[in-house]
Amino acid sequence: MRSRTACPGCGIVLPETAAGETPRLHSSAACEAVLHEVLGFEFQHPVMLRYHQLTVDAYGAQHAGGGAPAIRVAYSLAGLWLALEHGFSAEDVRAVHRRMGHPTAEWPVFEPPRTPRRWLTVLDVAEAGVRQHSDGGHARAAGQWAESVWTAWLEDSPGIDDAVEGMLRGIFLETGHHEGLHGTIGPAAAVHRLLGLLEA
């Protein structure tokens, strides 16, 4: 029987996987294997790609801390804030991400929620979607997972929503990352919508 190990980020306990790539986030190799299973399902079913950004951001925000790159956590929290607090679509979130900054820039370090805790994980998404061959199950579980992760941040880090908004305000209003964007459709529209929120 294979030994089991807990993911340091989300806390799920899974059988250990064969040696492979070192996890890029604060996660176990087994947990990342489940993520890849979920991502593969999304790419095999184009209709599921509308949930891809939510999947990436929920996983990144749930596996903060440890050796997780600060930029990944910052992008993930920004994505959840935009999608869940302000209704930005996946395409609009990606448009904002593309304008956020350079990988070598300094990024704030956010203290992650405590684990273990009762929250949904990527395993819940896999069991509801890819392992049931269910598009609808995947869609529901991905949304619930993202809400669960964002709620954990709100509960454990009061003011995280204001901190994310402040980070975006610094990027877009103080460093001019919105300059040169014109028009009211596509990526420009997403960034201008964000500017409207930040300037309100």
Protein backbone atom coordinates (compact mmCIF):
# COMPACT_ATOMS: atom_id res chain seq x y z
CA MET A 1 0.00 0.00 0.00
CA ARG A 2 1.33 3.41 -0.95
CA SER A 3 1.87 5.88 1.85
CA ARG A 4 -0.34 8.94 1.95
CA THR A 5 0.70 12.53 2.35
CA ALA A 6 -1.10 15.78 3.11
CA CYS A 7 -0.80 18.70 0.74
CA PRO A 8 0.81 21.59 2.66
CA GLY A 9 -1.37 24.11 0.86
CA CYS A 10 -4.93 22.79 0.81
CA GLY A 11 -4.55 19.94 3.30
CA ILE A 12 -5.99 17.09 1.22
CA VAL A 13 -4.47 13.69 1.94
CA LEU A 14 -3.65 11.60 -1.12
CA PRO A 15 -1.53 8.57 -1.96
CA GLU A 16 1.99 9.62 -2.80
CA THR A 17 2.81 9.73 -6.49
CA ALA A 18 5.92 8.46 -8.22
CA ALA A 19 8.80 10.92 -8.18
CA GLY A 20 8.29 13.65 -10.73
CA GLU A 21 8.65 17.39 -11.08
CA THR A 22 8.98 19.38 -7.88
CA PRO A 23 5.69 21.21 -7.21
CA ARG A 24 5.87 24.86 -8.24
CA LEU A 25 3.52 26.01 -5.50
CA HIS A 26 3.02 25.19 -1.81
CA SER A 27 1.54 21.82 -2.72
CA SER A 28 2.21 18.11 -2.85
CA ALA A 29 3.06 16.30 -6.06
CA ALA A 30 -0.12 14.24 -5.68
CA CYS A 31 -2.26 17.37 -5.39
CA GLU A 32 -0.67 18.89 -8.48
CA ALA A 33 -1.36 15.64 -10.33
CA VAL A 34 -5.07 16.10 -9.59
CA LEU A 35 -4.82 19.69 -10.85
CA HIS A 36 -3.35 18.45 -14.13
CA GLU A 37 -6.20 15.94 -14.39
CA VAL A 38 -8.71 18.78 -14.05
CA LEU A 39 -6.85 21.05 -16.48
CA GLY A 40 -6.70 18.23 -19.01
CA PHE A 41 -10.47 17.85 -18.81
CA GLU A 42 -10.91 21.57 -19.46
CA PHE A 43 -8.68 21.52 -22.52
CA GLN A 44 -10.37 18.40 -23.90
CA HIS A 45 -13.77 20.09 -23.68
CA PRO A 46 -13.56 23.65 -25.09
CA VAL A 47 -16.81 24.66 -23.40
CA MET A 48 -15.03 24.08 -20.08
CA LEU A 49 -12.33 26.63 -20.88
CA ARG A 50 -14.57 29.38 -19.55
CA TYR A 51 -13.74 27.96 -16.11
CA HIS A 52 -10.02 27.56 -16.74
CA GLN A 53 -9.00 30.93 -15.30
CA LEU A 54 -11.09 30.30 -12.20
CA THR A 55 -9.38 26.93 -11.78
CA VAL A 56 -5.90 28.41 -12.11
CA ASP A 57 -6.63 31.27 -9.72
CA ALA A 58 -8.40 29.12 -7.11
CA TYR A 59 -5.49 26.69 -7.06
CA GLY A 60 -2.89 29.45 -6.88
CA ALA A 61 -4.67 31.22 -4.02
CA GLN A 62 -5.21 27.96 -2.14
CA HIS A 63 -1.53 27.01 -2.37
CA ALA A 64 0.08 30.25 -1.22
CA GLY A 65 2.90 30.31 1.31
CA GLY A 66 5.93 28.07 1.40
CA GLY A 67 7.89 28.49 -1.81
CA ALA A 68 4.99 29.73 -3.92
CA PRO A 69 6.09 32.71 -6.06
CA ALA A 70 4.60 35.96 -4.76
CA ILE A 71 3.61 36.95 -8.31
CA ARG A 72 1.50 33.80 -8.72
CA VAL A 73 -0.38 34.42 -5.49
CA ALA A 74 -0.91 38.09 -6.35
CA TYR A 75 -2.29 37.23 -9.79
CA SER A 76 -4.52 34.51 -8.31
CA LEU A 77 -6.01 36.79 -5.66
CA ALA A 78 -6.54 39.53 -8.22
CA GLY A 79 -8.33 37.03 -10.46
CA LEU A 80 -10.65 35.87 -7.69
CA TRP A 81 -11.37 39.45 -6.62
CA LEU A 82 -12.23 40.45 -10.18
CA ALA A 83 -14.34 37.38 -10.94
CA LEU A 84 -16.16 36.87 -7.65
CA GLU A 85 -16.50 40.40 -6.30
CA HIS A 86 -17.05 42.21 -9.59
CA GLY A 87 -18.26 39.65 -12.12
CA PHE A 88 -15.36 39.85 -14.57
CA SER A 89 -15.37 37.08 -17.17
CA ALA A 90 -12.40 34.75 -17.62
CA GLU A 91 -11.38 36.68 -20.73
CA ASP A 92 -11.52 39.98 -18.85
CA VAL A 93 -9.48 38.60 -15.95
CA ARG A 94 -6.81 37.42 -18.39
CA ALA A 95 -6.79 40.86 -20.03
CA VAL A 96 -6.09 42.48 -16.66
CA HIS A 97 -3.45 39.88 -15.82
CA ARG A 98 -1.61 40.63 -19.06
CA ARG A 99 -1.28 44.28 -18.03
CA MET A 100 -0.32 43.75 -14.39
CA GLY A 101 3.42 43.78 -14.61
CA HIS A 102 6.77 42.16 -15.25
CA PRO A 103 7.78 38.85 -13.61
CA THR A 104 10.85 40.48 -12.04
CA ALA A 105 8.87 43.21 -10.29
CA GLU A 106 8.45 43.17 -6.52
CA TRP A 107 5.11 41.76 -5.41
CA PRO A 108 3.37 41.91 -2.03
CA VAL A 109 3.46 38.77 0.08
CA PHE A 110 0.03 37.71 1.34
CA GLU A 111 -0.22 35.48 4.42
CA PRO A 112 -2.31 32.44 3.39
CA PRO A 113 -5.34 31.06 5.24
CA ARG A 114 -4.72 28.51 7.96
CA THR A 115 -4.77 24.80 7.14
CA PRO A 116 -6.19 22.33 7.74
CA ARG A 117 -9.63 23.83 7.37
CA ARG A 118 -12.94 22.84 5.88
CA TRP A 119 -12.90 24.07 2.31
CA LEU A 120 -13.29 22.61 -1.14
CA THR A 121 -10.22 21.54 -3.07
CA VAL A 122 -9.22 20.58 -6.59
CA LEU A 123 -10.09 16.99 -5.66
CA ASP A 124 -13.76 17.99 -5.27
CA VAL A 125 -13.67 19.45 -8.77
CA ALA A 126 -12.07 16.31 -10.20
CA GLU A 127 -14.60 14.03 -8.52
CA ALA A 128 -17.55 16.11 -9.72
CA GLY A 129 -16.25 16.68 -13.24
CA VAL A 130 -13.59 14.68 -15.00
CA ARG A 131 -14.07 11.50 -12.95
CA GLN A 132 -17.80 11.59 -13.70
CA HIS A 133 -17.32 12.76 -17.30
CA SER A 134 -19.63 15.63 -16.37
CA ASP A 135 -19.33 19.12 -17.84
CA GLY A 136 -22.06 20.38 -15.54
CA GLY A 137 -20.47 18.83 -12.48
CA HIS A 138 -17.16 20.46 -13.34
CA ALA A 139 -18.77 23.86 -13.85
CA ARG A 140 -20.62 23.79 -10.53
CA ALA A 141 -17.68 22.45 -8.55
CA ALA A 142 -15.18 24.90 -10.04
CA GLY A 143 -17.37 27.85 -9.09
CA GLN A 144 -18.01 26.51 -5.59
CA TRP A 145 -14.31 25.81 -5.09
CA ALA A 146 -13.32 29.33 -6.09
CA GLU A 147 -15.95 30.77 -3.73
CA SER A 148 -14.67 28.51 -0.95
CA VAL A 149 -11.08 29.65 -1.40
CA TRP A 150 -11.96 33.34 -1.59
CA THR A 151 -14.17 33.03 1.50
CA ALA A 152 -11.27 31.44 3.39
CA TRP A 153 -9.06 34.41 2.54
CA LEU A 154 -11.77 36.86 3.60
CA GLU A 155 -12.27 35.07 6.92
CA ASP A 156 -8.61 34.53 7.80
CA SER A 157 -7.22 37.76 6.36
CA PRO A 158 -9.72 40.55 7.09
CA GLY A 159 -9.20 43.35 4.61
CA ILE A 160 -7.71 41.10 1.90
CA ASP A 161 -10.24 42.49 -0.59
CA ASP A 162 -9.05 46.02 0.18
CA ALA A 163 -5.43 44.88 -0.05
CA VAL A 164 -5.98 43.37 -3.50
CA GLU A 165 -7.80 46.49 -4.65
CA GLY A 166 -4.93 48.60 -3.31
CA MET A 167 -2.40 46.47 -5.16
CA LEU A 168 -4.30 46.91 -8.42
CA ARG A 169 -4.71 50.63 -7.79
CA GLY A 170 -0.96 50.96 -7.36
CA ILE A 171 -0.31 49.02 -10.56
CA PHE A 172 -2.84 50.67 -12.82
CA LEU A 173 -3.25 54.18 -11.44
CA GLU A 174 0.26 54.91 -10.16
CA THR A 175 2.50 53.13 -12.66
CA GLY A 176 0.52 53.76 -15.82
CA HIS A 177 -0.05 50.16 -16.90
CA HIS A 178 -3.26 51.31 -18.58
CA GLU A 179 -1.55 53.80 -20.88
CA GLY A 180 -1.74 53.12 -24.58
CA LEU A 181 -5.02 51.20 -24.36
CA HIS A 182 -7.76 52.56 -26.56
CA GLY A 183 -11.22 51.41 -27.49
CA THR A 184 -14.20 49.89 -25.74
CA ILE A 185 -13.94 46.22 -26.74
CA GLY A 186 -11.56 43.37 -26.00
CA PRO A 187 -8.68 43.77 -23.54
CA ALA A 188 -8.99 47.55 -23.51
CA ALA A 189 -12.58 47.33 -22.31
CA ALA A 190 -11.64 45.03 -19.43
CA VAL A 191 -8.88 47.34 -18.22
CA HIS A 192 -11.03 50.44 -18.57
CA ARG A 193 -13.76 48.72 -16.56
CA LEU A 194 -11.18 48.02 -13.85
CA LEU A 195 -10.05 51.64 -13.92
CA GLY A 196 -13.64 52.70 -13.37
CA LEU A 197 -13.79 50.53 -10.25
CA LEU A 198 -10.48 51.80 -8.91
CA GLU A 199 -11.27 55.45 -9.53
CA ALA A 200 -14.75 55.30 -7.98
